[in-house]
Protein backbone atom coordinates (compact mmCIF):
# COMPACT_ATOMS: atom_id res chain seq x y z
CA MET A 1 160.90 21.64 171.84
CA LEU A 2 163.99 23.25 170.43
CA MET A 3 165.53 25.93 172.42
CA THR A 4 168.06 28.10 170.67
CA LYS A 5 169.44 31.58 171.42
CA GLY A 6 170.14 33.89 168.56
CA ARG A 7 172.84 36.59 168.25
CA GLY A 8 170.40 38.96 169.96
CA GLY A 9 170.17 36.63 172.86
CA GLY A 10 167.05 34.75 174.25
CA THR A 11 164.95 31.97 172.98
CA GLY A 12 162.43 34.26 171.45
CA ALA A 13 164.99 35.93 169.17
CA GLY A 14 166.23 32.40 168.11
CA LEU A 15 162.67 31.18 167.29
CA SER A 16 162.00 34.43 165.43
CA ARG A 17 165.14 33.98 163.21
CA VAL A 18 164.14 30.21 162.53
CA SER A 19 160.60 31.47 161.58
CA GLY A 20 161.99 34.12 159.34
CA ALA A 21 164.31 31.66 157.67
CA LEU A 22 161.41 29.05 156.98
CA LEU A 23 159.13 31.85 155.64
CA ALA A 24 161.82 33.18 153.39
CA MET A 25 162.17 29.76 151.69
CA SER A 26 158.44 29.41 151.22
CA ARG A 27 158.23 32.65 149.30
CA HIS A 28 160.14 31.51 146.19
CA LEU A 29 159.00 29.41 143.27
CA GLU A 30 162.19 29.20 141.16
CA VAL A 31 164.58 26.48 142.15
CA ARG A 32 167.71 28.72 141.97
CA ASP A 33 166.04 31.19 144.31
CA VAL A 34 165.03 28.49 146.60
CA LEU A 35 168.58 27.29 146.77
CA LYS A 36 170.05 30.61 147.52
CA THR A 37 167.47 31.38 150.10
CA ILE A 38 168.39 28.19 151.98
CA VAL A 39 172.06 28.78 151.88
CA VAL A 40 171.70 32.43 153.03
CA SER A 41 169.27 31.45 155.69
CA ALA A 42 171.53 28.67 157.16
CA ARG A 43 174.62 30.66 157.20
CA GLU A 44 172.94 33.65 159.09
CA LEU A 45 170.91 31.46 161.46
CA LEU A 46 173.90 29.47 162.65
CA ASP A 47 176.48 32.39 162.57
CA ALA A 48 178.78 30.67 160.03
CA GLU A 49 181.23 32.31 157.86
CA TYR A 50 180.65 30.26 154.76
CA ALA A 51 177.65 28.16 153.49
CA ALA A 52 177.12 26.05 150.48
CA LEU A 53 174.37 23.85 148.99
CA GLY A 54 175.14 21.15 146.29
CA VAL A 55 172.49 19.36 144.19
CA PRO A 56 174.19 16.29 142.76
CA ASP A 57 173.97 15.11 139.20
CA ASP A 58 174.07 11.61 137.80
CA HIS A 59 177.66 11.82 136.79
CA GLY A 60 179.79 12.19 140.07
CA GLY A 61 179.33 16.00 139.98
CA PHE A 62 176.90 18.64 141.04
CA ALA A 63 174.13 19.91 138.86
CA GLN A 64 173.93 23.04 140.97
CA PHE A 65 176.17 24.35 143.56
CA VAL A 66 175.33 27.59 145.48
CA VAL A 67 177.63 29.41 147.93
CA ASP A 68 177.22 32.40 150.39
CA GLY A 69 179.96 34.23 152.17
CA VAL A 70 182.33 33.91 149.09
CA SER A 71 182.65 36.87 146.78
CA GLU A 72 181.98 36.61 143.09
CA GLU A 73 185.66 37.24 142.28
CA GLN A 74 186.67 34.45 144.85
CA TRP A 75 184.16 31.98 143.31
CA LYS A 76 185.56 32.51 139.82
CA ALA A 77 189.14 32.10 141.06
CA ILE A 78 188.28 28.82 142.90
CA GLY A 79 187.55 27.24 139.46
CA PRO A 80 185.11 24.36 138.38
CA LEU A 81 182.38 22.92 140.56
CA PRO A 82 183.47 20.35 143.17
CA ARG A 83 183.09 16.67 142.42
CA GLN A 84 181.11 14.33 144.70
CA HIS A 85 184.08 13.04 146.83
CA GLY A 86 185.18 12.94 150.48
CA ILE A 87 182.72 14.37 153.07
CA LEU A 88 180.39 15.73 150.32
CA ALA A 89 179.97 12.33 148.97
CA ALA A 90 179.43 10.85 152.30
CA MET A 91 176.49 13.04 153.02
CA LEU A 92 175.02 12.39 149.65
CA LYS A 93 175.30 8.62 149.64
CA ASP A 94 174.74 7.69 153.32
CA ALA A 95 172.48 10.77 154.11
CA THR A 96 174.13 11.12 157.41
CA PRO A 97 174.93 14.45 159.15
CA GLN A 98 178.58 15.41 159.51
CA ARG A 99 179.87 17.69 162.35
CA LEU A 100 183.66 18.17 162.51
CA ALA A 101 185.90 20.30 164.76
CA ASP A 102 188.40 20.62 161.86
CA VAL A 103 187.46 19.39 158.30
CA ARG A 104 191.12 19.39 157.44
CA LEU A 105 191.84 16.67 159.98
CA ASP A 106 189.34 14.33 158.62
CA PRO A 107 190.80 11.21 156.81
CA ARG A 108 188.31 11.97 153.82
CA PHE A 109 189.49 15.48 153.34
CA GLY A 110 191.23 15.86 149.93
CA GLY A 111 192.36 19.50 149.93
CA TRP A 112 190.78 22.28 147.95
CA PRO A 113 191.91 24.70 145.23
CA SER A 114 194.44 27.31 146.15
CA ALA A 115 191.89 30.14 145.76
CA HIS A 116 189.54 28.35 148.25
CA PRO A 117 189.10 29.99 151.59
CA ASP A 118 190.55 28.27 154.57
CA MET A 119 188.03 26.38 156.73
CA SER A 120 188.08 24.43 159.90
CA ASP A 121 184.99 23.60 161.82
CA PHE A 122 182.38 22.18 159.53
CA LEU A 123 178.66 21.09 159.74
CA GLY A 124 176.81 19.32 156.87
CA LEU A 125 173.51 17.67 156.47
CA PRO A 126 171.64 16.10 153.60
CA ILE A 127 168.42 17.59 152.28
CA ALA A 128 166.19 14.68 151.70
CA ASP A 129 162.70 13.86 150.50
CA GLY A 130 161.96 10.53 151.82
CA ASP A 131 164.65 8.15 150.61
CA GLU A 132 165.77 10.45 147.78
CA VAL A 133 168.69 12.92 148.66
CA LEU A 134 168.11 16.07 146.94
CA GLY A 135 171.33 17.81 147.94
CA ALA A 136 173.28 18.66 150.99
CA VAL A 137 173.95 21.93 152.91
CA PHE A 138 177.38 22.72 154.26
CA LEU A 139 178.51 25.32 156.74
CA ALA A 140 182.09 26.23 157.80
CA ASN A 141 183.86 28.42 160.42
CA LYS A 142 181.21 29.16 163.16
CA ARG A 143 181.65 32.79 164.16
CA CYS A 144 182.79 32.47 167.93
CA PRO A 145 185.92 32.50 169.96
CA LYS A 146 187.72 29.27 169.52
CA PRO A 147 190.41 28.75 172.28
CA GLN A 148 192.58 25.72 171.43
CA GLY A 149 190.18 24.76 168.62
CA GLY A 150 187.22 24.81 170.94
CA CYS A 151 183.66 26.19 170.18
CA GLY A 152 182.63 25.36 166.59
CA PHE A 153 179.27 23.93 165.72
CA THR A 154 177.29 22.33 168.51
CA ALA A 155 174.66 19.52 168.74
CA GLN A 156 172.09 22.20 169.00
CA ASP A 157 173.37 23.72 165.75
CA GLU A 158 172.96 20.31 164.09
CA GLU A 159 169.41 20.08 165.37
CA LEU A 160 168.64 23.53 164.27
CA LEU A 161 170.10 22.83 160.68
CA ALA A 162 168.24 19.57 160.53
CA ILE A 163 164.86 21.51 160.93
CA LEU A 164 166.07 23.96 158.32
CA ALA A 165 166.86 21.00 155.93
CA GLN A 166 163.55 19.33 156.43
CA HIS A 167 161.73 22.44 155.36
CA ALA A 168 164.26 23.03 152.60
CA ALA A 169 163.38 19.66 151.15
CA ILE A 170 159.65 20.75 151.02
CA ALA A 171 160.53 24.15 149.44
CA LEU A 172 162.84 22.56 146.89
CA THR A 173 160.28 19.89 145.89
CA ASN A 174 157.57 22.52 145.49
CA ALA A 175 159.79 24.59 143.35
CA ARG A 176 160.69 21.76 141.24
CA LEU A 177 156.91 20.80 140.80
CA TYR A 178 156.23 24.46 139.96
CA GLU A 179 158.87 24.61 137.28
CA ARG A 180 157.73 21.39 135.88
CA SER A 181 154.17 22.60 135.69
CA ARG A 182 155.27 25.72 133.95
CA GLU A 183 157.29 23.60 131.48
CA LEU A 184 154.20 21.60 130.76
CA THR A 185 152.14 24.81 130.38
CA ILE A 186 154.63 26.32 128.07
CA ALA A 187 154.85 23.11 126.01
CA GLY A 188 151.16 23.08 125.63
CA GLU A 189 150.87 26.63 124.57
CA ARG A 190 153.63 26.26 122.05
CA ALA A 191 151.85 23.27 120.64
CA ARG A 192 148.62 25.36 120.50
CA LEU A 193 150.51 28.23 118.72
CA ALA A 194 152.08 25.70 116.30
CA HIS A 195 148.66 24.50 115.40
CA GLU A 196 147.53 28.00 114.68
CA LEU A 197 150.51 28.84 112.54
CA HIS A 198 150.33 25.54 110.80
CA ASP A 199 146.71 26.44 109.71
CA ALA A 200 147.75 29.90 108.40
CA VAL A 201 150.71 28.68 106.47
CA SER A 202 148.61 25.75 105.02
CA GLN A 203 146.01 28.05 103.75
CA LYS A 204 148.61 30.21 102.12
CA LEU A 205 150.27 27.21 100.40
CA PHE A 206 146.88 25.85 99.27
CA SER A 207 146.10 29.29 97.71
CA LEU A 208 149.45 29.25 96.18
CA ARG A 209 148.81 25.85 94.62
CA LEU A 210 145.57 26.91 93.15
CA THR A 211 146.89 30.10 91.77
CA ALA A 212 149.81 28.28 90.10
CA GLN A 213 147.26 25.83 88.51
CA ALA A 214 145.32 28.75 87.11
CA ALA A 215 148.41 30.39 85.85
CA THR A 216 149.34 27.30 84.01
CA ALA A 217 145.98 26.97 82.36
CA LEU A 218 146.02 30.57 81.13
CA VAL A 219 149.55 30.91 80.02
CA ASP A 220 148.71 29.95 76.36
CA ARG A 221 145.21 31.40 75.86
CA ASP A 222 145.35 34.47 78.10
CA PRO A 223 149.05 35.66 78.82
CA ALA A 224 147.90 38.78 80.40
CA ARG A 225 145.82 37.06 83.00
CA ALA A 226 148.44 34.35 83.54
CA LYS A 227 150.90 37.27 84.35
CA ASP A 228 148.59 38.62 86.91
CA GLU A 229 148.21 35.11 88.47
CA LEU A 230 152.05 34.75 88.51
CA GLN A 231 152.32 38.07 90.28
CA GLN A 232 149.66 36.74 92.84
CA ILE A 233 151.81 33.63 93.24
CA ALA A 234 154.73 35.82 94.10
CA LEU A 235 152.76 37.68 96.75
CA LEU A 236 151.43 34.50 98.41
CA ALA A 237 154.84 32.85 98.44
CA ALA A 238 156.12 36.02 100.23
CA GLU A 239 153.32 35.85 102.68
CA ALA A 240 154.08 32.15 103.31
CA ALA A 241 157.62 32.84 103.91
CA ASP A 242 156.68 35.56 106.47
CA GLU A 243 154.53 33.16 108.23
CA LEU A 244 157.26 30.58 108.54
CA ARG A 245 159.75 33.18 109.81
CA SER A 246 157.18 34.24 112.43
CA ALA A 247 156.79 30.59 113.46
CA VAL A 248 160.54 30.41 114.25
CA VAL A 249 160.27 33.57 116.44
CA GLU A 250 156.92 33.20 118.04
CA LEU A 251 157.37 29.47 119.06
CA ARG A 252 160.15 30.18 121.43
CA PRO A 253 159.21 29.25 125.06
CA ALA A 254 156.72 31.81 126.47
CA ALA A 255 158.55 33.79 129.09
CA LEU A 256 155.87 35.56 131.16
CA ASP A 257 158.30 35.85 134.04
CA GLU A 258 160.93 37.45 131.75
CA ASP A 259 158.97 39.41 129.24
CA GLY A 260 155.97 40.36 131.41
CA LEU A 261 152.21 40.07 130.81
CA VAL A 262 152.06 43.05 128.38
CA ALA A 263 154.77 41.80 126.03
CA THR A 264 153.48 38.14 126.25
CA LEU A 265 149.97 39.04 125.40
CA ARG A 266 151.04 41.44 122.62
CA THR A 267 152.99 38.58 121.07
CA GLN A 268 150.30 35.92 121.29
CA VAL A 269 147.69 38.40 119.87
CA GLN A 270 149.93 39.07 116.96
CA VAL A 271 150.26 35.36 116.26
CA LEU A 272 146.47 34.94 116.26
CA ASP A 273 146.00 37.95 114.11
CA ARG A 274 148.25 36.40 111.40
CA ALA A 275 146.87 32.94 111.87
CA HIS A 276 143.15 33.94 111.49
CA SER A 277 140.95 35.73 108.95
CA ALA A 278 139.66 37.69 111.86
CA ARG A 279 141.29 40.92 112.99
CA VAL A 280 142.73 40.52 116.49
CA THR A 281 144.13 43.62 118.24
CA PHE A 282 145.84 44.39 121.64
CA ALA A 283 146.15 47.53 123.59
CA SER A 284 147.46 48.27 126.99
CA ARG A 285 147.37 51.41 129.20
CA GLY A 286 149.05 52.08 132.55
CA VAL A 287 149.63 48.47 133.79
CA ARG A 288 152.40 48.68 136.39
CA ALA A 289 155.37 46.49 136.65
CA LEU A 290 155.79 43.86 139.47
CA PRO A 291 156.05 45.49 142.95
CA ALA A 292 159.21 45.24 144.83
CA ALA A 293 157.85 43.68 147.94
CA GLN A 294 158.30 39.99 147.86
CA GLU A 295 154.92 38.91 149.20
CA GLU A 296 153.19 41.38 146.83
CA ALA A 297 155.22 40.25 143.98
CA LEU A 298 154.39 36.59 144.32
CA LEU A 299 150.69 37.61 144.30
CA ARG A 300 151.12 39.61 141.24
CA VAL A 301 152.96 36.78 139.35
CA ALA A 302 149.86 34.58 140.10
CA GLN A 303 147.68 37.37 138.93
CA GLU A 304 149.55 37.81 135.61
CA GLU A 305 149.43 34.16 134.89
CA ALA A 306 145.67 33.99 135.62
CA LEU A 307 144.98 37.07 133.37
CA LEU A 308 147.15 35.49 130.61
CA ARG A 309 145.16 32.13 130.71
CA VAL A 310 141.85 33.94 130.83
CA ALA A 311 142.86 35.97 127.77
CA GLN A 312 144.00 32.74 125.93
CA GLU A 313 140.69 30.98 126.77
CA ALA A 314 138.57 33.94 125.70
CA LEU A 315 140.60 34.27 122.42
CA HIS A 316 140.22 30.65 121.70
CA ASN A 317 136.42 30.82 122.20
CA ALA A 318 136.04 33.86 119.98
CA LEU A 319 138.16 32.47 117.04
CA ARG A 320 137.28 28.78 117.19
CA HIS A 321 133.55 28.71 118.43
CA ALA A 322 132.11 32.35 117.76
CA ASP A 323 133.29 32.89 114.26
CA ALA A 324 134.21 36.36 115.25
CA ARG A 325 135.53 38.87 112.59
CA GLN A 326 137.04 41.22 115.20
CA VAL A 327 138.41 40.56 118.55
CA ASP A 328 139.84 43.16 120.83
CA VAL A 329 142.02 42.56 123.82
CA THR A 330 142.73 45.43 126.22
CA LEU A 331 144.63 45.41 129.42
CA THR A 332 144.35 48.57 131.53
CA ARG A 333 145.28 49.62 135.05
CA HIS A 334 142.28 49.62 137.41
CA GLY A 335 142.98 51.38 140.61
CA GLN A 336 146.04 49.43 142.10
CA GLY A 337 145.16 46.38 140.13
CA ALA A 338 144.45 45.56 136.58
CA ARG A 339 141.49 44.94 134.24
CA LEU A 340 141.46 42.50 131.11
CA ARG A 341 138.74 42.92 128.60
CA VAL A 342 138.35 40.51 125.53
CA VAL A 343 135.49 41.73 123.18
CA ASP A 344 134.46 39.92 119.98
CA ASP A 345 131.72 40.43 117.52
CA GLY A 346 131.05 36.76 117.09
CA ARG A 347 127.69 34.86 117.34
CA GLY A 348 127.48 35.28 121.03
CA PHE A 349 125.38 32.99 123.34
CA ASP A 350 122.99 33.09 126.31
CA PRO A 351 125.35 32.62 129.36
CA SER A 352 122.41 31.27 131.55
CA ALA A 353 121.40 28.75 128.94
CA VAL A 354 124.96 27.54 128.60
CA ARG A 355 125.23 27.05 132.31
CA ARG A 356 121.94 25.17 132.43
CA ALA A 357 123.07 22.86 129.43
CA GLY A 358 126.43 22.24 131.21
CA ARG A 359 128.30 23.72 128.24
CA HIS A 360 130.75 26.07 129.79
CA LEU A 361 132.97 27.21 126.99
CA GLY A 362 135.63 27.46 129.54
CA LEU A 363 133.61 29.99 131.67
CA VAL A 364 134.06 27.81 134.80
CA SER A 365 137.85 27.52 134.62
CA MET A 366 137.91 31.33 133.93
CA ARG A 367 136.06 32.15 136.93
CA ASP A 368 138.13 29.81 139.04
CA ARG A 369 141.35 31.36 137.83
CA ALA A 370 140.06 34.89 138.60
CA GLY A 371 138.65 33.85 142.02
CA GLY A 372 141.99 32.08 142.79
CA VAL A 373 144.04 35.36 142.77
CA GLY A 374 141.31 37.57 144.47
CA GLY A 375 139.70 38.77 141.29
CA GLY A 376 136.34 38.60 139.58
CA LEU A 377 134.98 37.70 136.03
CA THR A 378 132.05 39.12 134.39
CA VAL A 379 130.56 37.73 130.98
CA GLU A 380 128.33 39.81 128.85
CA SER A 381 126.85 38.02 125.85
CA ALA A 382 123.71 37.46 123.77
CA PRO A 383 122.83 35.32 120.67
CA GLY A 384 124.08 37.36 117.59
CA LYS A 385 125.48 40.13 119.75
CA GLY A 386 129.03 38.94 120.42
CA THR A 387 130.65 38.52 123.77
CA ALA A 388 132.59 40.57 126.30
CA ILE A 389 134.66 38.87 129.05
CA GLU A 390 136.12 41.09 131.68
CA MET A 391 138.51 40.04 134.54
CA GLU A 392 139.69 42.34 137.24
CA VAL A 393 142.42 41.62 139.75
CA PRO A 394 143.05 43.89 142.96
CA GLY A 395 146.33 45.59 143.47
CA GLY A 396 148.78 45.00 146.27
């Protein structure tokens, strides 16, 4: 069992700091946030003055390089990201720890830029997932008295950093999988929106073609009607141009994490309203922004994504399967949480009969999404009476 004493003294304090560092890493989903948390945790945990983490690229440099203990002004003055050479390369290629009393005396040391802070004692470990080296974490200048160059990083520090690096590999791998999953979701959603917009523009162009043919047939025998048809052509052409301009704007990657749930839902409803003959509306009242507390914020991120996916599924059912003429989407505050309601005037269905027949219209996945974030889903529908789908999520 690892025994370590923190700055506050005592094994309990050390274990508490380790636990806090590991918990902090597990809270983040974005790769950049995970990298920064690893660096900050490592520097604080081992009482180092400087810390850095490099993720290599395939060209001898670093795809990402995160530092802690260096001011933004210092970092800008240092210049370009380092290359994979010397001790950095050794850790990335051989996946072996490096603990040095004075990095400047190592034969592999090649110097650093003039604005780079001076460093002496050094500890570096690779971050690996099996045989794959994901990156390397570096610490420099242990905060402790150093008579005649003594003190510095110890074998116990190396053991502690190794534990942190193992968990860092898990956190980094999970973050990469999350980002990849989100990219695939965004790509799928963009393809779906592209299909909707393609249908809308195709309908406009088809009408444009028929109207042009009518105008051609009328130009000699009924010039007045031909003029009316030509005016209609101009109107249809303008509408088609508007749809194409909308496609350029709306098919940008969805940004739920940047724009928020309200803006993302409003944008998608606007796209569907243009793409279908049905009237599709969106209203929002009192939905609060993400909370400041990290744990609560992570839950709310998951809840927002679940609300968005349920809304998309309900809209798809209403417009593609129910022949709805009107679909209304509302998102409102409900206590400390939120309530989503999607109501259509389509053909409706018997929910119990659908379950018995094994045709779920996405209801199972919607219920799973709601339950997965601590929420609930209700479905009200009857043949010829339309459908109302409501999802509620609790607050933090």
